[in-house]
């Protein structure tokens, strides 16, 4: 038996009794980030998401508009009584603007 082995065995036994484990428990992924945005009542702000988190944006508008998220390949079209619904995974970090064109900033999505 190698020198120090009984000490390691004792340490692992104590950790097990204390409810600890030598391997970390997997961290649960956060649930989806669901945002409801309006072109007609914009309120530019920052919203945070975790990298890998699912994102669902529902955008309403009284007038027809294109909607897109910079940095992600998602586009939508909103018009009266027909919201745009954009779904994607925030798979990169950074700050990404969600815009309705021609020039309405809806929100900044900060992915960490």
N, C-alpha and C. Protein backbone atom coordinates (compact mmCIF):
# COMPACT_ATOMS: atom_id res chain seq x y z
N UNK A 1 0.85 -1.17 0.00
CA UNK A 1 0.00 0.00 0.00
C UNK A 1 0.90 1.24 0.00
N UNK A 2 0.50 2.23 -0.77
CA UNK A 2 1.28 3.44 -0.86
C UNK A 2 1.10 4.28 0.39
N UNK A 3 2.14 5.00 0.73
CA UNK A 3 2.10 5.89 1.87
C UNK A 3 1.07 6.98 1.59
N UNK A 4 0.21 7.29 2.55
CA UNK A 4 -0.80 8.33 2.40
C UNK A 4 -2.15 7.80 1.98
N UNK A 5 -2.24 6.56 1.52
CA UNK A 5 -3.52 6.01 1.06
C UNK A 5 -4.56 5.96 2.17
N UNK A 6 -4.23 5.53 3.41
CA UNK A 6 -5.25 5.53 4.47
C UNK A 6 -5.78 6.93 4.75
N UNK A 7 -4.96 7.93 4.63
CA UNK A 7 -5.42 9.29 4.88
C UNK A 7 -6.43 9.71 3.81
N UNK A 8 -6.15 9.39 2.54
CA UNK A 8 -7.09 9.71 1.47
C UNK A 8 -8.41 8.97 1.65
N UNK A 9 -8.33 7.71 2.02
CA UNK A 9 -9.54 6.92 2.23
C UNK A 9 -10.37 7.53 3.36
N UNK A 10 -9.71 7.95 4.43
CA UNK A 10 -10.40 8.58 5.55
C UNK A 10 -11.03 9.90 5.12
N UNK A 11 -10.30 10.68 4.31
CA UNK A 11 -10.82 11.96 3.82
C UNK A 11 -12.07 11.75 2.97
N UNK A 12 -12.04 10.79 2.04
CA UNK A 12 -13.21 10.51 1.21
C UNK A 12 -14.38 10.00 2.04
N UNK A 13 -14.10 9.21 3.06
CA UNK A 13 -15.17 8.71 3.93
C UNK A 13 -15.81 9.87 4.69
N UNK A 14 -14.99 10.79 5.19
CA UNK A 14 -15.53 11.95 5.91
C UNK A 14 -16.35 12.85 4.97
N UNK A 15 -15.85 13.04 3.76
CA UNK A 15 -16.60 13.85 2.79
C UNK A 15 -17.95 13.20 2.47
N UNK A 16 -17.96 11.89 2.33
CA UNK A 16 -19.21 11.18 2.03
C UNK A 16 -20.20 11.32 3.18
N UNK A 17 -19.70 11.22 4.42
CA UNK A 17 -20.57 11.38 5.58
C UNK A 17 -21.12 12.80 5.67
N UNK A 18 -20.34 13.76 5.23
CA UNK A 18 -20.76 15.16 5.29
C UNK A 18 -21.67 15.53 4.12
N UNK A 19 -21.90 14.57 3.23
CA UNK A 19 -22.76 14.85 2.08
C UNK A 19 -22.01 15.47 0.92
N UNK A 20 -20.69 15.46 0.98
CA UNK A 20 -19.89 16.00 -0.10
C UNK A 20 -19.45 14.87 -1.00
N UNK A 21 -19.05 15.22 -2.17
CA UNK A 21 -18.57 14.22 -3.09
C UNK A 21 -17.32 14.75 -3.77
N UNK A 22 -16.49 13.85 -4.24
CA UNK A 22 -15.27 14.27 -4.89
C UNK A 22 -15.53 14.75 -6.32
N UNK A 23 -16.68 14.44 -6.86
CA UNK A 23 -17.04 14.93 -8.19
C UNK A 23 -18.16 15.95 -8.04
N UNK A 24 -18.05 17.08 -8.71
CA UNK A 24 -19.07 18.11 -8.55
C UNK A 24 -20.40 17.68 -9.15
N UNK A 25 -21.46 18.09 -8.50
CA UNK A 25 -22.79 17.81 -9.02
C UNK A 25 -23.01 18.67 -10.25
N UNK A 26 -23.70 18.13 -11.27
CA UNK A 26 -23.96 18.96 -12.45
C UNK A 26 -24.87 20.13 -12.08
N UNK A 27 -24.58 21.28 -12.65
CA UNK A 27 -25.38 22.46 -12.41
C UNK A 27 -26.56 22.44 -13.37
N UNK A 28 -27.75 22.62 -12.83
CA UNK A 28 -28.94 22.61 -13.68
C UNK A 28 -28.92 23.83 -14.60
N UNK A 29 -29.22 23.58 -15.85
CA UNK A 29 -29.29 24.69 -16.81
C UNK A 29 -30.49 25.56 -16.45
N UNK A 30 -30.35 26.87 -16.61
CA UNK A 30 -31.48 27.74 -16.31
C UNK A 30 -32.61 27.48 -17.29
N UNK A 31 -33.82 27.76 -16.85
CA UNK A 31 -34.97 27.62 -17.73
C UNK A 31 -34.89 28.64 -18.84
N UNK A 32 -35.80 28.56 -19.79
CA UNK A 32 -35.75 29.51 -20.90
C UNK A 32 -36.01 30.94 -20.44
N UNK A 33 -35.37 31.88 -21.12
CA UNK A 33 -35.62 33.30 -20.89
C UNK A 33 -36.74 33.70 -21.84
N UNK A 34 -37.87 34.13 -21.30
CA UNK A 34 -39.03 34.49 -22.10
C UNK A 34 -39.27 35.99 -21.92
N UNK A 35 -39.22 36.72 -23.03
CA UNK A 35 -39.44 38.17 -22.99
C UNK A 35 -40.58 38.54 -23.92
N UNK A 36 -41.42 39.45 -23.45
CA UNK A 36 -42.50 40.01 -24.27
C UNK A 36 -42.16 41.48 -24.47
N UNK A 37 -41.97 41.87 -25.72
CA UNK A 37 -41.53 43.22 -26.06
C UNK A 37 -42.54 43.88 -26.98
N UNK A 38 -42.62 45.21 -26.91
CA UNK A 38 -43.53 45.96 -27.77
C UNK A 38 -42.76 47.07 -28.48
N UNK A 39 -42.94 47.13 -29.78
CA UNK A 39 -42.34 48.21 -30.57
C UNK A 39 -43.01 49.52 -30.21
N UNK A 40 -44.30 49.48 -29.90
CA UNK A 40 -45.07 50.69 -29.63
C UNK A 40 -44.82 51.26 -28.24
N UNK A 41 -44.27 50.48 -27.35
CA UNK A 41 -43.95 50.96 -26.01
C UNK A 41 -42.54 50.49 -25.65
N UNK A 42 -41.56 50.95 -26.43
CA UNK A 42 -40.20 50.47 -26.17
C UNK A 42 -39.66 50.95 -24.83
N UNK A 43 -38.91 50.10 -24.22
CA UNK A 43 -38.25 50.47 -22.97
C UNK A 43 -36.86 49.84 -22.99
N UNK A 44 -35.93 50.48 -23.73
CA UNK A 44 -34.60 49.88 -23.82
C UNK A 44 -34.00 49.62 -22.45
N UNK A 45 -33.58 48.41 -22.28
CA UNK A 45 -32.95 47.98 -21.04
C UNK A 45 -32.05 46.81 -21.35
N UNK A 46 -31.36 46.37 -20.35
CA UNK A 46 -30.49 45.20 -20.50
C UNK A 46 -31.10 44.04 -19.75
N UNK A 47 -31.06 42.90 -20.39
CA UNK A 47 -31.54 41.67 -19.78
C UNK A 47 -30.42 40.65 -19.88
N UNK A 48 -30.17 39.92 -18.79
CA UNK A 48 -29.08 38.95 -18.79
C UNK A 48 -29.58 37.54 -19.06
N UNK A 49 -28.74 36.78 -19.76
CA UNK A 49 -28.99 35.37 -20.03
C UNK A 49 -27.69 34.62 -19.79
N UNK A 50 -27.82 33.35 -19.53
CA UNK A 50 -26.64 32.50 -19.36
C UNK A 50 -26.29 31.87 -20.71
N UNK A 51 -25.01 31.71 -20.95
CA UNK A 51 -24.60 31.05 -22.19
C UNK A 51 -25.22 29.66 -22.23
N UNK A 52 -25.82 29.31 -23.35
CA UNK A 52 -26.48 28.02 -23.51
C UNK A 52 -27.97 28.05 -23.18
N UNK A 53 -28.45 29.17 -22.67
CA UNK A 53 -29.85 29.29 -22.28
C UNK A 53 -30.74 29.48 -23.51
N UNK A 54 -31.90 28.86 -23.49
CA UNK A 54 -32.89 29.06 -24.54
C UNK A 54 -33.54 30.43 -24.34
N UNK A 55 -33.79 31.12 -25.44
CA UNK A 55 -34.39 32.45 -25.39
C UNK A 55 -35.62 32.46 -26.30
N UNK A 56 -36.70 33.02 -25.82
CA UNK A 56 -37.90 33.20 -26.63
C UNK A 56 -38.35 34.65 -26.51
N UNK A 57 -38.38 35.35 -27.65
CA UNK A 57 -38.80 36.74 -27.69
C UNK A 57 -40.11 36.83 -28.46
N UNK A 58 -41.10 37.46 -27.85
CA UNK A 58 -42.36 37.73 -28.54
C UNK A 58 -42.46 39.24 -28.67
N UNK A 59 -42.54 39.72 -29.92
CA UNK A 59 -42.53 41.15 -30.20
C UNK A 59 -43.84 41.54 -30.87
N UNK A 60 -44.52 42.54 -30.28
CA UNK A 60 -45.76 43.04 -30.87
C UNK A 60 -45.51 44.42 -31.47
N UNK A 61 -46.35 44.75 -32.47
CA UNK A 61 -46.25 46.05 -33.13
C UNK A 61 -47.57 46.35 -33.83
N UNK A 62 -47.97 47.61 -33.76
CA UNK A 62 -49.18 48.03 -34.48
C UNK A 62 -48.90 48.16 -35.97
N UNK A 63 -47.66 48.47 -36.34
CA UNK A 63 -47.26 48.62 -37.74
C UNK A 63 -46.33 47.46 -38.11
N UNK A 64 -46.31 47.07 -39.38
CA UNK A 64 -45.40 45.99 -39.81
C UNK A 64 -43.93 46.37 -39.62
N UNK A 65 -43.16 45.47 -39.01
CA UNK A 65 -41.73 45.70 -38.78
C UNK A 65 -40.95 44.40 -38.87
N UNK A 66 -39.69 44.53 -39.30
CA UNK A 66 -38.74 43.43 -39.21
C UNK A 66 -38.16 43.45 -37.81
N UNK A 67 -37.92 42.29 -37.24
CA UNK A 67 -37.31 42.17 -35.92
C UNK A 67 -36.11 41.23 -36.05
N UNK A 68 -34.99 41.61 -35.44
CA UNK A 68 -33.85 40.70 -35.44
C UNK A 68 -32.97 40.91 -34.22
N UNK A 69 -32.14 39.90 -33.99
CA UNK A 69 -31.19 39.94 -32.87
C UNK A 69 -29.80 39.96 -33.47
N UNK A 70 -29.05 41.03 -33.22
CA UNK A 70 -27.67 41.11 -33.71
C UNK A 70 -26.86 39.97 -33.12
N UNK A 71 -26.02 39.36 -33.95
CA UNK A 71 -25.13 38.31 -33.48
C UNK A 71 -25.73 36.91 -33.54
N UNK A 72 -27.01 36.80 -33.81
CA UNK A 72 -27.67 35.50 -33.92
C UNK A 72 -28.44 35.48 -35.24
N UNK A 73 -28.58 34.35 -35.81
CA UNK A 73 -29.24 34.22 -37.10
C UNK A 73 -30.75 34.01 -36.91
N UNK A 74 -31.39 35.00 -36.29
CA UNK A 74 -32.84 34.92 -36.08
C UNK A 74 -33.50 36.21 -36.55
N UNK A 75 -34.54 36.05 -37.33
CA UNK A 75 -35.29 37.17 -37.86
C UNK A 75 -36.78 36.91 -37.65
N UNK A 76 -37.56 37.97 -37.58
CA UNK A 76 -38.99 37.83 -37.44
C UNK A 76 -39.72 38.99 -38.09
N UNK A 77 -41.01 38.87 -38.19
CA UNK A 77 -41.86 39.89 -38.78
C UNK A 77 -43.05 40.05 -37.86
N UNK A 78 -43.29 41.27 -37.41
CA UNK A 78 -44.43 41.55 -36.55
C UNK A 78 -45.35 42.55 -37.24
N UNK A 79 -46.63 42.40 -37.02
CA UNK A 79 -47.62 43.35 -37.52
C UNK A 79 -48.82 43.31 -36.59
N UNK A 80 -49.76 44.19 -36.82
CA UNK A 80 -50.95 44.28 -35.97
C UNK A 80 -51.59 42.89 -35.83
N UNK A 81 -51.83 42.48 -34.60
CA UNK A 81 -52.46 41.19 -34.27
C UNK A 81 -51.65 39.96 -34.68
N UNK A 82 -50.39 40.15 -35.06
CA UNK A 82 -49.54 39.00 -35.41
C UNK A 82 -48.12 39.26 -34.90
N UNK A 83 -47.84 38.85 -33.65
CA UNK A 83 -46.51 39.10 -33.09
C UNK A 83 -45.44 38.24 -33.75
N UNK A 84 -44.23 38.74 -33.71
CA UNK A 84 -43.07 37.95 -34.13
C UNK A 84 -42.60 37.13 -32.93
N UNK A 85 -42.32 35.87 -33.15
CA UNK A 85 -41.79 35.02 -32.09
C UNK A 85 -40.44 34.50 -32.56
N UNK A 86 -39.40 34.87 -31.83
CA UNK A 86 -38.05 34.46 -32.18
C UNK A 86 -37.54 33.53 -31.08
N UNK A 87 -37.07 32.36 -31.49
CA UNK A 87 -36.53 31.37 -30.54
C UNK A 87 -35.11 31.01 -30.96
N UNK A 88 -34.21 31.01 -29.99
CA UNK A 88 -32.83 30.65 -30.27
C UNK A 88 -32.13 30.29 -28.97
N UNK A 89 -30.93 29.75 -29.10
CA UNK A 89 -30.10 29.45 -27.94
C UNK A 89 -28.99 30.48 -27.88
N UNK A 90 -28.81 31.08 -26.72
CA UNK A 90 -27.76 32.08 -26.51
C UNK A 90 -26.44 31.34 -26.37
N UNK A 91 -25.85 30.98 -27.50
CA UNK A 91 -24.67 30.12 -27.48
C UNK A 91 -23.34 30.86 -27.56
N UNK A 92 -23.37 32.19 -27.44
CA UNK A 92 -22.13 32.97 -27.40
C UNK A 92 -22.29 34.10 -26.40
N UNK A 93 -21.18 34.53 -25.84
CA UNK A 93 -21.24 35.59 -24.84
C UNK A 93 -21.07 36.96 -25.50
N UNK A 94 -21.58 37.97 -24.82
CA UNK A 94 -21.46 39.33 -25.31
C UNK A 94 -22.76 40.09 -25.09
N UNK A 95 -22.85 41.27 -25.68
CA UNK A 95 -24.05 42.10 -25.59
C UNK A 95 -24.64 42.20 -26.99
N UNK A 96 -25.91 41.83 -27.13
CA UNK A 96 -26.56 41.75 -28.42
C UNK A 96 -27.84 42.59 -28.40
N UNK A 97 -27.99 43.43 -29.42
CA UNK A 97 -29.18 44.28 -29.49
C UNK A 97 -30.31 43.58 -30.22
N UNK A 98 -31.50 43.72 -29.65
CA UNK A 98 -32.71 43.23 -30.31
C UNK A 98 -33.39 44.47 -30.87
N UNK A 99 -33.56 44.50 -32.20
CA UNK A 99 -34.08 45.69 -32.85
C UNK A 99 -35.28 45.37 -33.73
N UNK A 100 -36.13 46.38 -33.86
CA UNK A 100 -37.20 46.38 -34.84
C UNK A 100 -36.83 47.47 -35.83
N UNK A 101 -36.82 47.12 -37.10
CA UNK A 101 -36.40 48.11 -38.10
C UNK A 101 -37.60 48.90 -38.60
N UNK A 102 -37.37 50.21 -38.75
CA UNK A 102 -36.09 50.77 -39.15
C UNK A 102 -35.14 51.10 -38.01
N UNK A 103 -35.58 51.56 -36.84
CA UNK A 103 -34.60 52.03 -35.87
C UNK A 103 -35.07 52.00 -34.42
N UNK A 104 -35.67 50.92 -33.99
CA UNK A 104 -36.17 50.85 -32.62
C UNK A 104 -35.40 49.78 -31.84
N UNK A 105 -34.65 50.22 -30.84
CA UNK A 105 -33.97 49.30 -29.95
C UNK A 105 -34.99 48.79 -28.94
N UNK A 106 -35.17 47.48 -28.90
CA UNK A 106 -36.15 46.89 -27.98
C UNK A 106 -35.50 46.50 -26.65
N UNK A 107 -34.32 45.88 -26.72
CA UNK A 107 -33.63 45.45 -25.51
C UNK A 107 -32.20 45.06 -25.89
N UNK A 108 -31.31 45.11 -24.90
CA UNK A 108 -29.96 44.56 -25.07
C UNK A 108 -29.90 43.27 -24.29
N UNK A 109 -29.50 42.21 -24.96
CA UNK A 109 -29.37 40.91 -24.33
C UNK A 109 -27.90 40.71 -23.99
N UNK A 110 -27.61 40.56 -22.69
CA UNK A 110 -26.24 40.37 -22.22
C UNK A 110 -26.10 38.90 -21.84
N UNK A 111 -25.25 38.19 -22.60
CA UNK A 111 -25.06 36.76 -22.37
C UNK A 111 -23.71 36.56 -21.70
N UNK A 112 -23.73 35.91 -20.54
CA UNK A 112 -22.51 35.66 -19.75
C UNK A 112 -22.25 34.17 -19.65
